[in-house]
C-alpha atoms as a PDB file:
ATOM      1  CA  MET A   1     129.036 103.753  89.438  1.00  0.00           C
ATOM      2  CA  ASP A   2     125.565 105.267  89.754  1.00  0.00           C
ATOM      3  CA  GLN A   3     122.593 103.268  90.961  1.00  0.00           C
ATOM      4  CA  ASN A   4     120.859 102.944  87.556  1.00  0.00           C
ATOM      5  CA  SER A   5     123.997 101.698  85.885  1.00  0.00           C
ATOM      6  CA  TRP A   6     124.566  99.218  88.763  1.00  0.00           C
ATOM      7  CA  LEU A   7     121.034  97.922  88.461  1.00  0.00           C
ATOM      8  CA  GLN A   8     121.138  97.667  84.736  1.00  0.00           C
ATOM      9  CA  ASN A   9     124.448  95.677  84.942  1.00  0.00           C
ATOM     10  CA  PHE A  10     123.292  93.449  87.647  1.00  0.00           C
ATOM     11  CA  LEU A  11     119.877  92.615  86.039  1.00  0.00           C
ATOM     12  CA  THR A  12     120.628  92.586  82.428  1.00  0.00           C
ATOM     13  CA  GLU A  13     119.123  89.253  81.008  1.00  0.00           C
ATOM     14  CA  GLU A  14     119.370  87.771  77.598  1.00  0.00           C
ATOM     15  CA  ASN A  15     117.941  90.352  75.165  1.00  0.00           C
ATOM     16  CA  VAL A  16     116.532  92.361  78.053  1.00  0.00           C
ATOM     17  CA  LYS A  17     118.211  95.629  78.950  1.00  0.00           C
ATOM     18  CA  PRO A  18     116.206  97.242  81.741  1.00  0.00           C
ATOM     19  CA  ASP A  19     115.594 100.902  81.264  1.00  0.00           C
ATOM     20  CA  PHE A  20     115.500 102.471  84.744  1.00  0.00           C
ATOM     21  CA  ASN A  21     115.003 105.788  83.359  1.00  0.00           C
ATOM     22  CA  LYS A  22     111.495 104.721  82.446  1.00  0.00           C
ATOM     23  CA  ILE A  23     110.213 103.557  85.846  1.00  0.00           C
ATOM     24  CA  GLU A  24     109.191 106.809  87.476  1.00  0.00           C
ATOM     25  CA  ASN A  25     105.642 105.476  88.157  1.00  0.00           C
ATOM     26  CA  VAL A  26     107.189 102.446  89.848  1.00  0.00           C
ATOM     27  CA  LYS A  27     109.341 104.607  92.082  1.00  0.00           C
ATOM     28  CA  ASN A  28     106.296 106.818  92.864  1.00  0.00           C
ATOM     29  CA  PHE A  29     104.173 103.809  93.758  1.00  0.00           C
ATOM     30  CA  THR A  30     106.518 103.014  96.698  1.00  0.00           C
ATOM     31  CA  ILE A  31     105.806 106.478  98.183  1.00  0.00           C
ATOM     32  CA  LEU A  32     102.149 106.434  97.349  1.00  0.00           C
ATOM     33  CA  TRP A  33     101.615 103.055  98.902  1.00  0.00           C
ATOM     34  CA  ASN A  34     103.379 104.217 102.011  1.00  0.00           C
ATOM     35  CA  LEU A  35     101.095 107.238 102.280  1.00  0.00           C
ATOM     36  CA  PHE A  36      97.996 104.956 101.584  1.00  0.00           C
ATOM     37  CA  GLU A  37      98.999 102.437 104.121  1.00  0.00           C
ATOM     38  CA  ARG A  38      99.812 105.038 106.722  1.00  0.00           C
ATOM     39  CA  PHE A  39      96.547 107.257 106.270  1.00  0.00           C
ATOM     40  CA  PHE A  40      93.980 104.802 105.177  1.00  0.00           C
ATOM     41  CA  CYS A  41      95.167 101.639 106.769  1.00  0.00           C
ATOM     42  CA  ASP A  42      96.732 102.960 110.043  1.00  0.00           C
ATOM     43  CA  LYS A  43      99.887 101.217 108.947  1.00  0.00           C
ATOM     44  CA  GLU A  44      98.052  97.757 108.569  1.00  0.00           C
ATOM     45  CA  GLY A  45      97.699  97.433 104.729  1.00  0.00           C
ATOM     46  CA  SER A  46      96.101  93.968 104.609  1.00  0.00           C
ATOM     47  CA  LEU A  47      93.362  93.277 102.116  1.00  0.00           C
ATOM     48  CA  SER A  48      91.042  92.671 104.992  1.00  0.00           C
ATOM     49  CA  THR A  49      91.848  95.971 106.580  1.00  0.00           C
ATOM     50  CA  ILE A  50      91.505  97.797 103.260  1.00  0.00           C
ATOM     51  CA  GLN A  51      88.144  96.301 102.630  1.00  0.00           C
ATOM     52  CA  GLN A  52      86.942  97.000 106.050  1.00  0.00           C
ATOM     53  CA  ASN A  53      87.943 100.589 105.864  1.00  0.00           C
ATOM     54  CA  LEU A  54      86.112 100.867 102.423  1.00  0.00           C
ATOM     55  CA  THR A  55      82.972  99.364 104.054  1.00  0.00           C
ATOM     56  CA  ASP A  56      83.225 101.819 106.935  1.00  0.00           C
ATOM     57  CA  LEU A  57      83.481 104.799 104.596  1.00  0.00           C
ATOM     58  CA  LYS A  58      80.396 103.522 102.605  1.00  0.00           C
ATOM     59  CA  GLU A  59      78.366 102.800 105.729  1.00  0.00           C
ATOM     60  CA  ASN A  60      79.232 106.184 107.189  1.00  0.00           C
ATOM     61  CA  GLY A  61      77.810 107.906 104.050  1.00  0.00           C
ATOM     62  CA  TYR A  62      80.995 109.041 102.261  1.00  0.00           C
ATOM     63  CA  THR A  63      80.130 109.327  98.669  1.00  0.00           C
ATOM     64  CA  LEU A  64      83.022 108.917  96.138  1.00  0.00           C
ATOM     65  CA  PRO A  65      83.224 111.266  93.441  1.00  0.00           C
ATOM     66  CA  PRO A  66      81.229 109.745  90.603  1.00  0.00           C
ATOM     67  CA  LYS A  67      83.158 107.796  87.999  1.00  0.00           C
ATOM     68  CA  SER A  68      86.507 108.877  89.596  1.00  0.00           C
ATOM     69  CA  PHE A  69      87.790 105.400  89.197  1.00  0.00           C
ATOM     70  CA  ASP A  70      86.309 104.403  85.775  1.00  0.00           C
ATOM     71  CA  VAL A  71      89.560 104.975  83.764  1.00  0.00           C
ATOM     72  CA  PRO A  72      91.808 102.827  85.895  1.00  0.00           C
ATOM     73  CA  PHE A  73      89.059 100.175  86.271  1.00  0.00           C
ATOM     74  CA  ASN A  74      88.601  99.990  82.651  1.00  0.00           C
ATOM     75  CA  TYR A  75      92.220  99.750  81.986  1.00  0.00           C
ATOM     76  CA  PHE A  76      92.638  96.732  84.343  1.00  0.00           C
ATOM     77  CA  ARG A  77      89.373  95.210  83.066  1.00  0.00           C
ATOM     78  CA  GLN A  78      90.786  95.275  79.569  1.00  0.00           C
ATOM     79  CA  ARG A  79      94.099  94.011  80.847  1.00  0.00           C
ATOM     80  CA  TYR A  80      92.624  90.973  82.810  1.00  0.00           C
ATOM     81  CA  ILE A  81      89.582  90.157  80.843  1.00  0.00           C
ATOM     82  CA  THR A  82      89.500  88.226  77.407  1.00  0.00           C
ATOM     83  CA  ASN A  83      86.058  87.068  75.959  1.00  0.00           C
ATOM     84  CA  LYS A  84      84.393  88.074  79.316  1.00  0.00           C
ATOM     85  CA  LYS A  85      86.580  85.739  81.474  1.00  0.00           C
ATOM     86  CA  THR A  86      89.826  86.377  83.397  1.00  0.00           C
ATOM     87  CA  ASN A  87      92.938  85.557  81.404  1.00  0.00           C
ATOM     88  CA  LEU A  88      96.456  84.433  82.114  1.00  0.00           C
ATOM     89  CA  ILE A  89      97.568  87.865  82.946  1.00  0.00           C
ATOM     90  CA  PHE A  90      95.073  87.924  85.773  1.00  0.00           C
ATOM     91  CA  GLU A  91      96.617  84.850  87.141  1.00  0.00           C
ATOM     92  CA  LYS A  92      99.976  86.609  87.370  1.00  0.00           C
ATOM     93  CA  LEU A  93      98.598  88.754  90.183  1.00  0.00           C
ATOM     94  CA  ASP A  94      99.908  85.709  92.122  1.00  0.00           C
ATOM     95  CA  PHE A  95      97.392  85.468  94.866  1.00  0.00           C
ATOM     96  CA  ARG A  96      98.445  83.231  97.681  1.00  0.00           C
ATOM     97  CA  ASP A  97      96.861  79.814  98.319  1.00  0.00           C
ATOM     98  CA  THR A  98      95.003  81.012 101.590  1.00  0.00           C
ATOM     99  CA  LYS A  99      91.344  81.186 102.304  1.00  0.00           C
ATOM    100  CA  THR A 100      91.529  85.009 102.527  1.00  0.00           C
ATOM    101  CA  ASP A 101      93.391  85.490  99.188  1.00  0.00           C
ATOM    102  CA  LYS A 102      90.993  82.984  97.507  1.00  0.00           C
ATOM    103  CA  THR A 103      88.109  85.077  98.659  1.00  0.00           C
ATOM    104  CA  PHE A 104      89.568  88.341  97.438  1.00  0.00           C
ATOM    105  CA  LYS A 105      90.627  86.694  94.165  1.00  0.00           C
ATOM    106  CA  GLN A 106      87.082  85.525  93.504  1.00  0.00           C
ATOM    107  CA  SER A 107      85.711  88.917  94.508  1.00  0.00           C
ATOM    108  CA  LEU A 108      88.050  90.601  92.016  1.00  0.00           C
ATOM    109  CA  LYS A 109      87.145  88.099  89.279  1.00  0.00           C
ATOM    110  CA  ASN A 110      83.422  88.570  89.815  1.00  0.00           C
ATOM    111  CA  CYS A 111      83.842  92.372  89.777  1.00  0.00           C
ATOM    112  CA  LEU A 112      86.033  92.283  86.517  1.00  0.00           C
ATOM    113  CA  GLU A 113      83.757  89.867  84.740  1.00  0.00           C
ATOM    114  CA  GLY A 114      80.585  91.468  85.823  1.00  0.00           C
ATOM    115  CA  GLU A 115      78.664  94.714  84.808  1.00  0.00           C
ATOM    116  CA  ILE A 116      79.902  97.015  87.704  1.00  0.00           C
ATOM    117  CA  THR A 117      78.362 100.396  88.135  1.00  0.00           C
ATOM    118  CA  VAL A 118      79.049 101.154  91.857  1.00  0.00           C
ATOM    119  CA  ASP A 119      82.023 103.230  92.468  1.00  0.00           C
ATOM    120  CA  TYR A 120      82.776 101.611  95.795  1.00  0.00           C
ATOM    121  CA  ASP A 121      82.912  98.123  93.998  1.00  0.00           C
ATOM    122  CA  LYS A 122      85.318  99.432  91.375  1.00  0.00           C
ATOM    123  CA  LEU A 123      87.491 100.858  93.989  1.00  0.00           C
ATOM    124  CA  SER A 124      87.384  97.672  96.049  1.00  0.00           C
ATOM    125  CA  ALA A 125      88.546  95.794  92.884  1.00  0.00           C
ATOM    126  CA  LEU A 126      91.288  98.429  92.125  1.00  0.00           C
ATOM    127  CA  LEU A 127      92.606  98.165  95.785  1.00  0.00           C
ATOM    128  CA  ILE A 128      92.836  94.459  95.488  1.00  0.00           C
ATOM    129  CA  ILE A 129      94.811  94.783  92.319  1.00  0.00           C
ATOM    130  CA  THR A 130      97.075  97.488  93.959  1.00  0.00           C
ATOM    131  CA  SER A 131      97.763  95.318  97.005  1.00  0.00           C
ATOM    132  CA  ARG A 132      98.777  92.382  94.682  1.00  0.00           C
ATOM    133  CA  PHE A 133     101.067  94.638  92.762  1.00  0.00           C
ATOM    134  CA  ARG A 134     102.439  95.997  96.015  1.00  0.00           C
ATOM    135  CA  ASN A 135     103.031  92.319  97.270  1.00  0.00           C
ATOM    136  CA  ASN A 136     104.609  91.191  94.042  1.00  0.00           C
ATOM    137  CA  LEU A 137     106.741  94.049  93.887  1.00  0.00           C
ATOM    138  CA  PHE A 138     108.160  94.078  97.353  1.00  0.00           C
ATOM    139  CA  HIS A 139     108.311  90.275  97.766  1.00  0.00           C
ATOM    140  CA  GLY A 140     110.252  89.442  94.618  1.00  0.00           C
ATOM    141  CA  SER A 141     107.568  88.190  92.377  1.00  0.00           C
ATOM    142  CA  LYS A 142     107.947  91.083  89.762  1.00  0.00           C
ATOM    143  CA  ASN A 143     110.758  90.568  87.194  1.00  0.00           C
ATOM    144  CA  ILE A 144     112.679  93.834  87.902  1.00  0.00           C
ATOM    145  CA  ALA A 145     114.556  93.546  84.732  1.00  0.00           C
ATOM    146  CA  ARG A 146     111.202  93.947  82.968  1.00  0.00           C
ATOM    147  CA  ILE A 147     109.536  96.283  85.325  1.00  0.00           C
ATOM    148  CA  SER A 148     109.461  99.156  82.849  1.00  0.00           C
ATOM    149  CA  GLU A 149     106.965  97.130  80.874  1.00  0.00           C
ATOM    150  CA  GLN A 150     104.450  97.714  83.622  1.00  0.00           C
ATOM    151  CA  GLU A 151     104.861 101.434  83.815  1.00  0.00           C
ATOM    152  CA  GLU A 152     101.283 102.176  82.650  1.00  0.00           C
ATOM    153  CA  SER A 153      99.904  99.787  85.223  1.00  0.00           C
ATOM    154  CA  PHE A 154     101.753 101.460  87.869  1.00  0.00           C
ATOM    155  CA  ALA A 155     100.592 104.884  86.564  1.00  0.00           C
ATOM    156  CA  GLN A 156      97.093 103.731  86.811  1.00  0.00           C
ATOM    157  CA  LEU A 157      97.491 102.357  90.270  1.00  0.00           C
ATOM    158  CA  ASN A 158      99.056 105.554  91.305  1.00  0.00           C
ATOM    159  CA  ASN A 159      96.027 107.437  90.093  1.00  0.00           C
ATOM    160  CA  VAL A 160      93.769 105.296  92.148  1.00  0.00           C
ATOM    161  CA  LEU A 161      95.929 105.912  95.348  1.00  0.00           C
ATOM    162  CA  MET A 162      96.153 109.586  94.779  1.00  0.00           C
ATOM    163  CA  SER A 163      92.320 110.054  94.022  1.00  0.00           C
ATOM    164  CA  LEU A 164      91.479 108.114  97.243  1.00  0.00           C
ATOM    165  CA  LEU A 165      93.866 110.059  99.310  1.00  0.00           C
ATOM    166  CA  ASP A 166      92.604 113.286  97.971  1.00  0.00           C
ATOM    167  CA  PHE A 167      89.018 112.233  98.451  1.00  0.00           C
ATOM    168  CA  LEU A 168      89.823 111.265 102.154  1.00  0.00           C
ATOM    169  CA  LYS A 169      91.703 114.558 102.716  1.00  0.00           C
ATOM    170  CA  GLN A 170      88.890 116.581 101.188  1.00  0.00           C
ATOM    171  CA  SER A 171      86.218 114.655 103.283  1.00  0.00           C
ATOM    172  CA  GLY A 172      88.013 115.376 106.474  1.00  0.00           C
ATOM    173  CA  LYS A 173      88.920 111.779 106.976  1.00  0.00           C
ATOM    174  CA  LEU A 174      92.656 112.662 107.223  1.00  0.00           C
ATOM    175  CA  SER A 175      94.561 114.985 109.298  1.00  0.00           C
ATOM    176  CA  SER A 176      97.142 116.988 107.394  1.00  0.00           C
ATOM    177  CA  ALA A 177      99.958 115.011 105.955  1.00  0.00           C
ATOM    178  CA  GLU A 178     102.389 116.945 108.202  1.00  0.00           C
ATOM    179  CA  ASP A 179     100.657 115.554 111.322  1.00  0.00           C
ATOM    180  CA  LYS A 180     101.394 111.953 110.387  1.00  0.00           C
ATOM    181  CA  LEU A 181     104.666 112.293 108.704  1.00  0.00           C
END
């Protein structure tokens, strides 16, 4: 039995037949996260490390390409905001009940509910979301039988990771991929 058939048989729920032919972006996310964590986070992909590295980029004068993160930011703002407040879908990001996670959750909430025009703030918010998707995917919080329903969200996150990695490479902040693989 091939892997997709096995997964479909194993995960079939009432009225839900997972379509593992429609999860290309989820599969790609795993590779893109690996590259992001390796090249941007030096293999330490915590939110604290991610935010510190963003701060370092900004303080060292690296200018993000203007509006390069507007499309994914607007996608997630529309997804997580209803009537200018975070909604139940936002809560499904499943932040842990730690001081650090509470701080990042509040930061993300403020960013999504506010009028953000600074590209670094948008990228910060997007990387918090990306990190939560990563944790929820790899730690069993995502309903894998319904994962194809989040294909567009993963496509947006993949675009964020690719844009950031391209920016870092073009800015000379990365050695070639071959050096670190």
